[in-house]
C-alpha cells in the first residue's frame, strides 16, 4: 500500500487480496484487520480503521 491513501483503501486491499483467509481457518480465533494510512510528508499515521472478524 502506498502512503497518502486512506485507511478505508487499505482495508479494502486486505479484503480484496484475502490476506486474512489463512488465519480465518483457525476456528476460535478472533482476527483484527487494520487499515492504516501513513503520511509521506510527516512520516506519521494519519488515520486507522479496524474490522474484527470472529
PDB file of N, CA and C in Angstrom:
ATOM      1  N   UNK A   1       0.850  -1.187   0.000  1.00  0.00           N
ATOM      2  CA  UNK A   1       0.000   0.000   0.000  1.00  0.00           C
ATOM      3  C   UNK A   1       0.881   1.231   0.000  1.00  0.00           C
ATOM      4  N   UNK A   2       0.543   2.172  -0.786  1.00  0.00           N
ATOM      5  CA  UNK A   2       1.296   3.414  -0.869  1.00  0.00           C
ATOM      6  C   UNK A   2       0.909   4.352   0.256  1.00  0.00           C
ATOM      7  N   UNK A   3       1.808   5.272   0.539  1.00  0.00           N
ATOM      8  CA  UNK A   3       1.495   6.304   1.525  1.00  0.00           C
ATOM      9  C   UNK A   3       0.460   7.248   0.925  1.00  0.00           C
ATOM     10  N   UNK A   4      -0.169   8.019   1.775  1.00  0.00           N
ATOM     11  CA  UNK A   4      -1.134   9.042   1.386  1.00  0.00           C
ATOM     12  C   UNK A   4      -2.438   8.484   0.811  1.00  0.00           C
ATOM     13  N   UNK A   5      -2.756   7.246   1.122  1.00  0.00           N
ATOM     14  CA  UNK A   5      -4.056   6.665   0.784  1.00  0.00           C
ATOM     15  C   UNK A   5      -4.858   6.588   2.074  1.00  0.00           C
ATOM     16  N   UNK A   6      -6.146   6.358   1.957  1.00  0.00           N
ATOM     17  CA  UNK A   6      -6.995   6.311   3.153  1.00  0.00           C
ATOM     18  C   UNK A   6      -6.907   4.961   3.856  1.00  0.00           C
ATOM     19  N   UNK A   7      -7.288   4.951   5.104  1.00  0.00           N
ATOM     20  CA  UNK A   7      -7.346   3.709   5.875  1.00  0.00           C
ATOM     21  C   UNK A   7      -8.403   2.782   5.288  1.00  0.00           C
ATOM     22  N   UNK A   8      -9.470   3.351   4.763  1.00  0.00           N
ATOM     23  CA  UNK A   8     -10.520   2.551   4.120  1.00  0.00           C
ATOM     24  C   UNK A   8      -9.967   1.845   2.880  1.00  0.00           C
ATOM     25  N   UNK A   9      -9.118   2.514   2.132  1.00  0.00           N
ATOM     26  CA  UNK A   9      -8.475   1.910   0.961  1.00  0.00           C
ATOM     27  C   UNK A   9      -7.590   0.744   1.378  1.00  0.00           C
ATOM     28  N   UNK A  10      -6.888   0.907   2.479  1.00  0.00           N
ATOM     29  CA  UNK A  10      -6.027  -0.165   2.989  1.00  0.00           C
ATOM     30  C   UNK A  10      -6.859  -1.376   3.396  1.00  0.00           C
ATOM     31  N   UNK A  11      -7.961  -1.149   4.086  1.00  0.00           N
ATOM     32  CA  UNK A  11      -8.847  -2.255   4.479  1.00  0.00           C
ATOM     33  C   UNK A  11      -9.427  -2.959   3.257  1.00  0.00           C
ATOM     34  N   UNK A  12      -9.804  -2.187   2.250  1.00  0.00           N
ATOM     35  CA  UNK A  12     -10.343  -2.763   1.030  1.00  0.00           C
ATOM     36  C   UNK A  12      -9.309  -3.685   0.369  1.00  0.00           C
ATOM     37  N   UNK A  13      -8.055  -3.261   0.359  1.00  0.00           N
ATOM     38  CA  UNK A  13      -6.993  -4.084  -0.226  1.00  0.00           C
ATOM     39  C   UNK A  13      -6.827  -5.396   0.548  1.00  0.00           C
ATOM     40  N   UNK A  14      -6.872  -5.333   1.862  1.00  0.00           N
ATOM     41  CA  UNK A  14      -6.755  -6.536   2.698  1.00  0.00           C
ATOM     42  C   UNK A  14      -7.862  -7.528   2.339  1.00  0.00           C
ATOM     43  N   UNK A  15      -9.071  -7.017   2.173  1.00  0.00           N
ATOM     44  CA  UNK A  15     -10.207  -7.882   1.850  1.00  0.00           C
ATOM     45  C   UNK A  15     -10.126  -8.413   0.424  1.00  0.00           C
ATOM     46  N   UNK A  16      -9.807  -7.545  -0.541  1.00  0.00           N
ATOM     47  CA  UNK A  16      -9.745  -7.967  -1.946  1.00  0.00           C
ATOM     48  C   UNK A  16      -8.664  -9.015  -2.186  1.00  0.00           C
ATOM     49  N   UNK A  17      -7.536  -8.865  -1.525  1.00  0.00           N
ATOM     50  CA  UNK A  17      -6.428  -9.807  -1.718  1.00  0.00           C
ATOM     51  C   UNK A  17      -6.515 -11.002  -0.765  1.00  0.00           C
ATOM     52  N   UNK A  18      -7.549 -10.977   0.100  1.00  0.00           N
ATOM     53  CA  UNK A  18      -7.860 -12.088   1.002  1.00  0.00           C
ATOM     54  C   UNK A  18      -6.667 -12.480   1.895  1.00  0.00           C
ATOM     55  N   UNK A  19      -5.979 -11.486   2.405  1.00  0.00           N
ATOM     56  CA  UNK A  19      -4.813 -11.728   3.248  1.00  0.00           C
ATOM     57  C   UNK A  19      -5.150 -12.494   4.530  1.00  0.00           C
ATOM     58  N   UNK A  20      -6.346 -12.312   5.054  1.00  0.00           N
ATOM     59  CA  UNK A  20      -6.708 -12.926   6.333  1.00  0.00           C
ATOM     60  C   UNK A  20      -7.233 -14.348   6.205  1.00  0.00           C
ATOM     61  N   UNK A  21      -7.463 -14.811   4.984  1.00  0.00           N
ATOM     62  CA  UNK A  21      -8.084 -16.125   4.790  1.00  0.00           C
ATOM     63  C   UNK A  21      -7.353 -17.254   5.507  1.00  0.00           C
ATOM     64  N   UNK A  22      -6.044 -17.309   5.409  1.00  0.00           N
ATOM     65  CA  UNK A  22      -5.313 -18.423   6.021  1.00  0.00           C
ATOM     66  C   UNK A  22      -5.400 -18.401   7.549  1.00  0.00           C
ATOM     67  N   UNK A  23      -5.610 -17.237   8.127  1.00  0.00           N
ATOM     68  CA  UNK A  23      -5.737 -17.148   9.583  1.00  0.00           C
ATOM     69  C   UNK A  23      -7.166 -17.412  10.031  1.00  0.00           C
ATOM     70  N   UNK A  24      -8.114 -17.090   9.167  1.00  0.00           N
ATOM     71  CA  UNK A  24      -9.526 -17.254   9.496  1.00  0.00           C
ATOM     72  C   UNK A  24      -9.908 -18.733   9.587  1.00  0.00           C
ATOM     73  N   UNK A  25      -9.113 -19.605   9.005  1.00  0.00           N
ATOM     74  CA  UNK A  25      -9.390 -21.037   9.046  1.00  0.00           C
ATOM     75  C   UNK A  25      -9.201 -21.625  10.439  1.00  0.00           C
ATOM     76  N   UNK A  26      -8.441 -20.943  11.279  1.00  0.00           N
ATOM     77  CA  UNK A  26      -8.207 -21.425  12.638  1.00  0.00           C
ATOM     78  C   UNK A  26      -9.403 -21.037  13.495  1.00  0.00           C
ATOM     79  N   UNK A  27     -10.288 -21.959  13.667  1.00  0.00           N
ATOM     80  CA  UNK A  27     -11.528 -21.692  14.388  1.00  0.00           C
ATOM     81  C   UNK A  27     -11.260 -21.267  15.837  1.00  0.00           C
ATOM     82  N   UNK A  28     -12.109 -20.400  16.313  1.00  0.00           N
ATOM     83  CA  UNK A  28     -11.986 -19.937  17.678  1.00  0.00           C
ATOM     84  C   UNK A  28     -11.057 -18.743  17.826  1.00  0.00           C
ATOM     85  N   UNK A  29     -10.462 -18.294  16.725  1.00  0.00           N
ATOM     86  CA  UNK A  29      -9.553 -17.150  16.777  1.00  0.00           C
ATOM     87  C   UNK A  29     -10.287 -15.897  16.316  1.00  0.00           C
ATOM     88  N   UNK A  30     -10.014 -14.802  16.951  1.00  0.00           N
ATOM     89  CA  UNK A  30     -10.535 -13.511  16.521  1.00  0.00           C
ATOM     90  C   UNK A  30      -9.453 -12.840  15.695  1.00  0.00           C
ATOM     91  N   UNK A  31      -9.840 -12.320  14.537  1.00  0.00           N
ATOM     92  CA  UNK A  31      -8.881 -11.682  13.640  1.00  0.00           C
ATOM     93  C   UNK A  31      -9.226 -10.205  13.533  1.00  0.00           C
ATOM     94  N   UNK A  32      -8.212  -9.364  13.669  1.00  0.00           N
ATOM     95  CA  UNK A  32      -8.367  -7.926  13.552  1.00  0.00           C
ATOM     96  C   UNK A  32      -7.711  -7.469  12.255  1.00  0.00           C
ATOM     97  N   UNK A  33      -8.503  -6.888  11.368  1.00  0.00           N
ATOM     98  CA  UNK A  33      -7.969  -6.304  10.148  1.00  0.00           C
ATOM     99  C   UNK A  33      -7.703  -4.832  10.438  1.00  0.00           C
ATOM    100  N   UNK A  34      -6.506  -4.362  10.140  1.00  0.00           N
ATOM    101  CA  UNK A  34      -6.145  -2.972  10.391  1.00  0.00           C
ATOM    102  C   UNK A  34      -5.761  -2.288   9.091  1.00  0.00           C
ATOM    103  N   UNK A  35      -6.491  -1.251   8.746  1.00  0.00           N
ATOM    104  CA  UNK A  35      -6.143  -0.403   7.617  1.00  0.00           C
ATOM    105  C   UNK A  35      -5.503   0.845   8.179  1.00  0.00           C
ATOM    106  N   UNK A  36      -4.273   1.105   7.775  1.00  0.00           N
ATOM    107  CA  UNK A  36      -3.515   2.229   8.335  1.00  0.00           C
ATOM    108  C   UNK A  36      -3.085   3.161   7.210  1.00  0.00           C
ATOM    109  N   UNK A  37      -3.367   4.447   7.371  1.00  0.00           N
ATOM    110  CA  UNK A  37      -2.973   5.460   6.391  1.00  0.00           C
ATOM    111  C   UNK A  37      -1.755   6.211   6.927  1.00  0.00           C
ATOM    112  N   UNK A  38      -0.688   6.177   6.142  1.00  0.00           N
ATOM    113  CA  UNK A  38       0.546   6.859   6.510  1.00  0.00           C
ATOM    114  C   UNK A  38       0.726   8.117   5.672  1.00  0.00           C
ATOM    115  N   UNK A  39       1.327   9.143   6.258  1.00  0.00           N
ATOM    116  CA  UNK A  39       1.641  10.368   5.546  1.00  0.00           C
ATOM    117  C   UNK A  39       3.075  10.294   5.034  1.00  0.00           C
ATOM    118  N   UNK A  40       3.272  10.558   3.744  1.00  0.00           N
ATOM    119  CA  UNK A  40       4.629  10.532   3.194  1.00  0.00           C
ATOM    120  C   UNK A  40       5.408  11.786   3.564  1.00  0.00           C
ATOM    121  N   UNK A  41       4.712  12.865   3.904  1.00  0.00           N
ATOM    122  CA  UNK A  41       5.414  14.101   4.250  1.00  0.00           C
ATOM    123  C   UNK A  41       5.733  14.174   5.740  1.00  0.00           C
ATOM    124  N   UNK A  42       4.785  13.797   6.565  1.00  0.00           N
ATOM    125  CA  UNK A  42       5.006  13.869   8.005  1.00  0.00           C
ATOM    126  C   UNK A  42       5.544  12.588   8.604  1.00  0.00           C
ATOM    127  N   UNK A  43       5.555  11.509   7.798  1.00  0.00           N
ATOM    128  CA  UNK A  43       6.035  10.197   8.253  1.00  0.00           C
ATOM    129  C   UNK A  43       5.321   9.761   9.533  1.00  0.00           C
ATOM    130  N   UNK A  44       4.010   9.969   9.536  1.00  0.00           N
ATOM    131  CA  UNK A  44       3.200   9.609  10.695  1.00  0.00           C
ATOM    132  C   UNK A  44       1.952   8.849  10.235  1.00  0.00           C
ATOM    133  N   UNK A  45       1.275   8.257  11.184  1.00  0.00           N
ATOM    134  CA  UNK A  45      -0.009   7.617  10.914  1.00  0.00           C
ATOM    135  C   UNK A  45      -1.066   8.717  10.880  1.00  0.00           C
ATOM    136  N   UNK A  46      -1.791   8.795   9.767  1.00  0.00           N
ATOM    137  CA  UNK A  46      -2.831   9.807   9.615  1.00  0.00           C
ATOM    138  C   UNK A  46      -4.175   9.336  10.148  1.00  0.00           C
ATOM    139  N   UNK A  47      -4.484   8.079   9.893  1.00  0.00           N
ATOM    140  CA  UNK A  47      -5.738   7.502  10.385  1.00  0.00           C
ATOM    141  C   UNK A  47      -5.611   5.982  10.338  1.00  0.00           C
ATOM    142  N   UNK A  48      -6.481   5.331  11.084  1.00  0.00           N
ATOM    143  CA  UNK A  48      -6.529   3.872  11.031  1.00  0.00           C
ATOM    144  C   UNK A  48      -7.958   3.418  11.262  1.00  0.00           C
ATOM    145  N   UNK A  49      -8.271   2.255  10.685  1.00  0.00           N
ATOM    146  CA  UNK A  49      -9.584   1.650  10.848  1.00  0.00           C
ATOM    147  C   UNK A  49      -9.371   0.185  11.176  1.00  0.00           C
ATOM    148  N   UNK A  50     -10.267  -0.336  11.974  1.00  0.00           N
ATOM    149  CA  UNK A  50     -10.184  -1.736  12.379  1.00  0.00           C
ATOM    150  C   UNK A  50     -11.496  -2.425  12.066  1.00  0.00           C
ATOM    151  N   UNK A  51     -11.384  -3.661  11.617  1.00  0.00           N
ATOM    152  CA  UNK A  51     -12.544  -4.511  11.420  1.00  0.00           C
ATOM    153  C   UNK A  51     -12.243  -5.849  12.090  1.00  0.00           C
ATOM    154  N   UNK A  52     -13.161  -6.335  12.907  1.00  0.00           N
ATOM    155  CA  UNK A  52     -12.955  -7.566  13.641  1.00  0.00           C
ATOM    156  C   UNK A  52     -13.727  -8.694  12.969  1.00  0.00           C
ATOM    157  N   UNK A  53     -13.020  -9.793  12.709  1.00  0.00           N
ATOM    158  CA  UNK A  53     -13.644 -10.999  12.176  1.00  0.00           C
ATOM    159  C   UNK A  53     -13.677 -12.027  13.291  1.00  0.00           C
ATOM    160  N   UNK A  54     -14.839 -12.578  13.558  1.00  0.00           N
ATOM    161  CA  UNK A  54     -14.952 -13.569  14.629  1.00  0.00           C
ATOM    162  C   UNK A  54     -15.037 -14.959  14.057  1.00  0.00           C
TER     163      UNK A  54
END
